[in-house]
Amino acid sequence: MQPIETSCIVTKKKKTTTAMYEASAAGALGVCRFLWEHGAASTIRTKSTLGWAPLFAACWNGHLDVVKWLFDMGAEEDIRVKTECGCEWTPMFVACCHGDLALAKWLFKVGATEDIRTKDTDGWCPMFVACSNGHLDVIKWLFAVGAADDIYTGCTAGVTPMSISCTNGGLEVATWLVLQGVGTNHEDPGALRACFPPSDDVLAITRSELRASIQNLVDEHATFTALLLPAVRFAPRRETPFPAECVVVNPRARKK
């Protein structure tokens, strides 16, 4: 029987990786352990040609058990390493983008505390990507653990969490942001307008929908004043900051 070459190089979809990387990306913990036991220990931090480490690939695909195992086996530094392609995201960005609250909390617990406010090359932060994808549970968690100011922070293009939420149809998120005070400067009736930079794409949430939702809040919380959402236009959602050939779809996201 020939010996198993566990550190072999794999070329797939124009990217070059290792067997350990492919197993991590697929969530195959048993295979990862087998590879480790048969000579592939040195490859647990080996990046693909696109700059993804096995731990990042496991985070992208929502495999928390594999992420924890890689961390324990010596890849602990990779919880804060930015990708070398796309927009320089960290694992925390991935967790918040995909709405993986369990992963985000675990990363925060083991040392990625500063990454909750780290910005990428476009000025996006974890709060922004969570708002973009409508993950209110992640948004509330980020707000509670130190990223509260980011609900007001726009990216380098001037897009804000409020505008990205409305553009992507996130009425629940937009309403929650209003409840936190976004665009509710009572001395400035046009405060909400400042949340929306001009562009060519139609807003997904209509004025009447957001107005009605805010009015419900006003009915329940007398201290709030109803604001009319101006007829604004704004840039579309960016699906992913990475080249298409290196993206493996999060299976949980696919079900939504």
Protein backbone atom coordinates (compact mmCIF):
# COMPACT_ATOMS: atom_id res chain seq x y z
CA MET A 1 0.00 0.00 0.00
CA GLN A 2 1.44 3.36 -0.98
CA PRO A 3 1.80 6.08 1.72
CA ILE A 4 -0.86 8.79 1.73
CA GLU A 5 0.30 12.20 0.53
CA THR A 6 -1.67 14.38 2.95
CA SER A 7 0.09 17.64 2.13
CA CYS A 8 -0.78 17.44 -1.55
CA ILE A 9 -1.63 20.52 -3.56
CA VAL A 10 -5.11 20.80 -5.01
CA THR A 11 -5.95 22.98 -8.00
CA LYS A 12 -9.66 23.76 -8.23
CA LYS A 13 -11.52 26.56 -9.99
CA LYS A 14 -8.34 28.52 -10.65
CA LYS A 15 -7.28 28.42 -6.99
CA THR A 16 -4.49 26.31 -5.52
CA THR A 17 -5.05 24.90 -2.05
CA THR A 18 -4.09 21.98 0.18
CA ALA A 19 -6.07 18.93 1.23
CA MET A 20 -6.39 20.45 4.73
CA TYR A 21 -7.88 23.61 3.25
CA GLU A 22 -10.45 21.70 1.21
CA ALA A 23 -11.45 19.58 4.20
CA SER A 24 -11.81 22.69 6.39
CA ALA A 25 -13.90 24.50 3.79
CA ALA A 26 -16.16 21.46 3.48
CA GLY A 27 -16.60 21.12 7.25
CA ALA A 28 -15.11 17.63 7.22
CA LEU A 29 -13.68 17.57 10.74
CA GLY A 30 -12.96 13.85 10.61
CA VAL A 31 -10.92 14.33 7.46
CA CYS A 32 -9.07 17.26 9.01
CA ARG A 33 -8.08 15.10 11.97
CA PHE A 34 -7.03 12.25 9.70
CA LEU A 35 -4.84 14.58 7.65
CA TRP A 36 -3.30 16.01 10.83
CA GLU A 37 -2.46 12.53 12.10
CA HIS A 38 -0.88 11.56 8.78
CA GLY A 39 1.57 14.35 8.19
CA ALA A 40 -0.42 17.44 7.25
CA ALA A 41 0.01 19.31 10.52
CA SER A 42 2.19 21.90 8.82
CA THR A 43 -0.62 22.88 6.43
CA ILE A 44 -3.28 24.05 8.92
CA ARG A 45 -2.26 27.67 8.23
CA THR A 46 -1.31 27.31 4.57
CA LYS A 47 -3.28 29.81 2.50
CA SER A 48 -4.75 29.30 -0.90
CA THR A 49 -3.42 31.36 -3.78
CA LEU A 50 -6.32 33.72 -3.14
CA GLY A 51 -5.14 34.44 0.40
CA TRP A 52 -7.65 32.36 2.38
CA ALA A 53 -6.43 30.30 5.35
CA PRO A 54 -8.22 27.04 6.25
CA LEU A 55 -9.73 28.71 9.33
CA PHE A 56 -11.15 31.55 7.23
CA ALA A 57 -12.61 29.07 4.74
CA ALA A 58 -14.25 27.17 7.60
CA CYS A 59 -15.68 30.45 8.96
CA TRP A 60 -17.02 31.41 5.53
CA ASN A 61 -18.95 28.15 5.31
CA GLY A 62 -20.20 28.21 8.91
CA HIS A 63 -18.26 25.24 10.27
CA LEU A 64 -17.69 26.33 13.88
CA ASP A 65 -16.53 22.87 14.99
CA VAL A 66 -13.75 22.93 12.40
CA VAL A 67 -12.86 26.52 13.30
CA LYS A 68 -12.47 25.57 16.97
CA TRP A 69 -10.38 22.52 16.09
CA LEU A 70 -8.02 24.52 13.86
CA PHE A 71 -7.70 27.11 16.62
CA ASP A 72 -6.76 24.43 19.16
CA MET A 73 -4.30 22.80 16.77
CA GLY A 74 -2.23 25.95 16.27
CA ALA A 75 -4.11 28.28 13.92
CA GLU A 76 -5.17 30.69 16.67
CA GLU A 77 -3.56 33.68 14.96
CA ASP A 78 -5.83 33.23 11.95
CA ILE A 79 -8.90 34.43 13.85
CA ARG A 80 -7.67 38.00 13.23
CA VAL A 81 -5.83 37.66 9.93
CA LYS A 82 -7.30 39.60 7.00
CA THR A 83 -7.73 37.99 3.61
CA GLU A 84 -5.23 38.92 0.94
CA CYS A 85 -7.85 39.29 -1.77
CA GLY A 86 -11.07 41.18 -2.05
CA CYS A 87 -11.59 43.73 0.71
CA GLU A 88 -9.32 42.37 3.48
CA TRP A 89 -12.04 40.80 5.62
CA THR A 90 -11.44 39.07 8.96
CA PRO A 91 -13.37 36.03 10.25
CA MET A 92 -15.50 38.45 12.33
CA PHE A 93 -16.64 40.14 9.11
CA VAL A 94 -17.67 36.76 7.74
CA ALA A 95 -19.61 35.81 10.86
CA CYS A 96 -21.53 39.10 10.86
CA CYS A 97 -22.14 39.02 7.09
CA HIS A 98 -23.66 35.54 7.29
CA GLY A 99 -25.59 36.17 10.50
CA ASP A 100 -23.60 33.50 12.34
CA LEU A 101 -24.02 34.84 15.88
CA ALA A 102 -22.52 31.76 17.54
CA LEU A 103 -19.33 32.13 15.50
CA ALA A 104 -19.17 35.89 16.15
CA LYS A 105 -19.53 35.38 19.90
CA TRP A 106 -16.87 32.66 19.93
CA LEU A 107 -14.39 34.79 17.94
CA PHE A 108 -15.02 37.69 20.32
CA LYS A 109 -14.45 35.42 23.32
CA VAL A 110 -11.12 34.01 22.10
CA GLY A 111 -9.49 37.29 21.14
CA ALA A 112 -11.12 39.01 18.15
CA THR A 113 -12.64 41.75 20.32
CA GLU A 114 -11.14 44.63 18.32
CA ASP A 115 -12.43 43.20 15.04
CA ILE A 116 -16.03 44.18 15.80
CA ARG A 117 -15.12 47.69 14.60
CA THR A 118 -12.37 46.94 12.06
CA LYS A 119 -13.07 48.43 8.62
CA ASP A 120 -12.27 46.88 5.26
CA THR A 121 -10.81 48.66 2.24
CA ASP A 122 -14.21 50.15 1.36
CA GLY A 123 -14.89 51.43 4.85
CA TRP A 124 -17.32 48.62 5.65
CA CYS A 125 -17.43 47.36 9.24
CA PRO A 126 -19.13 44.28 10.78
CA MET A 127 -22.14 46.38 11.82
CA PHE A 128 -22.55 47.58 8.25
CA VAL A 129 -22.47 44.10 6.70
CA ALA A 130 -24.89 42.79 9.33
CA CYS A 131 -27.31 45.63 8.47
CA SER A 132 -26.82 44.97 4.76
CA ASN A 133 -27.95 41.38 5.18
CA GLY A 134 -30.70 41.98 7.74
CA HIS A 135 -29.19 40.07 10.67
CA LEU A 136 -30.86 41.92 13.54
CA ASP A 137 -29.66 39.50 16.23
CA VAL A 138 -26.05 40.12 15.20
CA ILE A 139 -26.68 43.87 14.98
CA LYS A 140 -28.06 43.96 18.53
CA TRP A 141 -25.11 41.91 19.79
CA LEU A 142 -22.54 44.20 18.12
CA PHE A 143 -24.39 47.19 19.55
CA ALA A 144 -24.20 45.71 23.05
CA VAL A 145 -20.53 44.68 23.02
CA GLY A 146 -18.95 47.94 21.87
CA ALA A 147 -19.91 48.79 18.28
CA ALA A 148 -22.90 51.02 19.09
CA ASP A 149 -21.43 54.04 17.31
CA ASP A 150 -21.24 52.10 14.06
CA ILE A 151 -25.00 52.33 13.50
CA TYR A 152 -24.30 55.92 12.41
CA THR A 153 -21.09 55.20 10.49
CA GLY A 154 -21.11 55.22 6.70
CA CYS A 155 -18.62 53.57 4.35
CA THR A 156 -16.18 55.47 2.15
CA ALA A 157 -18.92 55.83 -0.50
CA GLY A 158 -21.17 57.59 2.01
CA VAL A 159 -23.60 54.69 2.36
CA THR A 160 -24.99 54.29 5.90
CA PRO A 161 -26.41 51.29 7.79
CA MET A 162 -29.87 52.89 7.49
CA SER A 163 -29.69 53.31 3.74
CA ILE A 164 -28.26 49.83 3.08
CA SER A 165 -30.99 48.31 5.29
CA CYS A 166 -33.74 50.11 3.41
CA THR A 167 -32.26 49.33 0.02
CA ASN A 168 -32.12 45.62 0.78
CA GLY A 169 -35.66 45.50 2.15
CA GLY A 170 -34.64 45.26 5.81
CA LEU A 171 -37.68 46.97 7.33
CA GLU A 172 -37.16 45.33 10.73
CA VAL A 173 -33.55 46.50 10.88
CA ALA A 174 -34.40 50.00 9.62
CA THR A 175 -37.13 50.33 12.24
CA TRP A 176 -34.76 49.19 14.99
CA LEU A 177 -32.16 51.73 13.85
CA VAL A 178 -34.77 54.49 14.08
CA LEU A 179 -35.62 53.33 17.59
CA GLN A 180 -31.94 53.73 18.52
CA GLY A 181 -32.04 57.34 17.30
CA VAL A 182 -30.73 57.09 13.74
CA GLY A 183 -32.14 60.05 11.81
CA THR A 184 -34.39 61.14 14.69
CA ASN A 185 -32.95 64.54 15.45
CA HIS A 186 -36.13 66.33 16.50
CA GLU A 187 -34.56 69.74 15.85
CA ASP A 188 -33.80 68.77 12.26
CA PRO A 189 -36.77 67.28 10.35
CA GLY A 190 -34.40 66.48 7.47
CA ALA A 191 -32.09 64.36 9.63
CA LEU A 192 -33.24 61.10 8.10
CA ARG A 193 -32.53 62.43 4.62
CA ALA A 194 -28.82 62.62 5.49
CA CYS A 195 -28.78 58.84 5.85
CA PHE A 196 -29.30 58.39 2.12
CA PRO A 197 -26.71 59.41 -0.49
CA PRO A 198 -28.02 59.90 -4.05
CA SER A 199 -27.56 57.25 -6.74
CA ASP A 200 -29.40 55.49 -9.57
CA ASP A 201 -31.04 52.50 -7.91
CA VAL A 202 -34.54 52.46 -6.45
CA LEU A 203 -35.04 52.07 -2.72
CA ALA A 204 -36.48 48.66 -1.78
CA ILE A 205 -38.48 49.87 1.23
CA THR A 206 -41.18 52.37 0.29
CA ARG A 207 -41.79 55.56 2.20
CA SER A 208 -45.22 54.33 3.28
CA GLU A 209 -43.83 51.08 4.70
CA LEU A 210 -41.15 52.71 6.80
CA ARG A 211 -43.45 55.58 7.78
CA ALA A 212 -46.09 53.12 9.01
CA SER A 213 -43.49 51.13 10.93
CA ILE A 214 -42.09 54.26 12.56
CA GLN A 215 -45.62 55.43 13.35
CA ASN A 216 -46.21 52.18 15.23
CA LEU A 217 -43.14 52.97 17.28
CA VAL A 218 -44.41 56.48 17.92
CA ASP A 219 -47.72 55.05 19.13
CA GLU A 220 -45.83 52.83 21.59
CA HIS A 221 -43.14 55.34 22.56
CA ALA A 222 -44.57 58.83 22.93
CA THR A 223 -41.12 60.42 23.01
CA PHE A 224 -40.54 59.66 19.33
CA THR A 225 -41.64 61.93 16.51
CA ALA A 226 -42.76 60.48 13.15
CA LEU A 227 -40.41 61.35 10.33
CA LEU A 228 -41.20 61.09 6.65
CA LEU A 229 -38.65 59.10 4.69
CA PRO A 230 -37.65 61.19 1.65
CA ALA A 231 -37.84 59.72 -1.85
CA VAL A 232 -34.22 58.72 -2.15
CA ARG A 233 -32.14 56.48 -4.39
CA PHE A 234 -29.06 54.57 -3.46
CA ALA A 235 -26.45 52.05 -4.66
CA PRO A 236 -27.30 48.32 -4.72
CA ARG A 237 -26.03 45.70 -2.33
CA ARG A 238 -22.62 44.18 -3.01
CA GLU A 239 -23.08 40.45 -2.82
CA THR A 240 -19.50 39.58 -1.85
CA PRO A 241 -16.14 41.35 -1.79
CA PHE A 242 -14.33 38.28 -3.11
CA PRO A 243 -13.64 36.90 -6.59
CA ALA A 244 -16.40 34.49 -7.60
CA GLU A 245 -14.04 31.57 -8.02
CA CYS A 246 -13.01 31.56 -4.36
CA VAL A 247 -16.46 31.76 -2.80
CA VAL A 248 -18.19 28.71 -1.35
CA VAL A 249 -21.81 29.48 -0.48
CA ASN A 250 -22.80 29.26 3.19
CA PRO A 251 -25.28 26.35 3.22
CA ARG A 252 -27.39 28.05 5.91
CA ALA A 253 -27.67 31.22 3.86
CA ARG A 254 -28.90 29.15 0.93
CA LYS A 255 -31.92 27.97 2.92
CA LYS A 256 -33.15 31.48 3.72
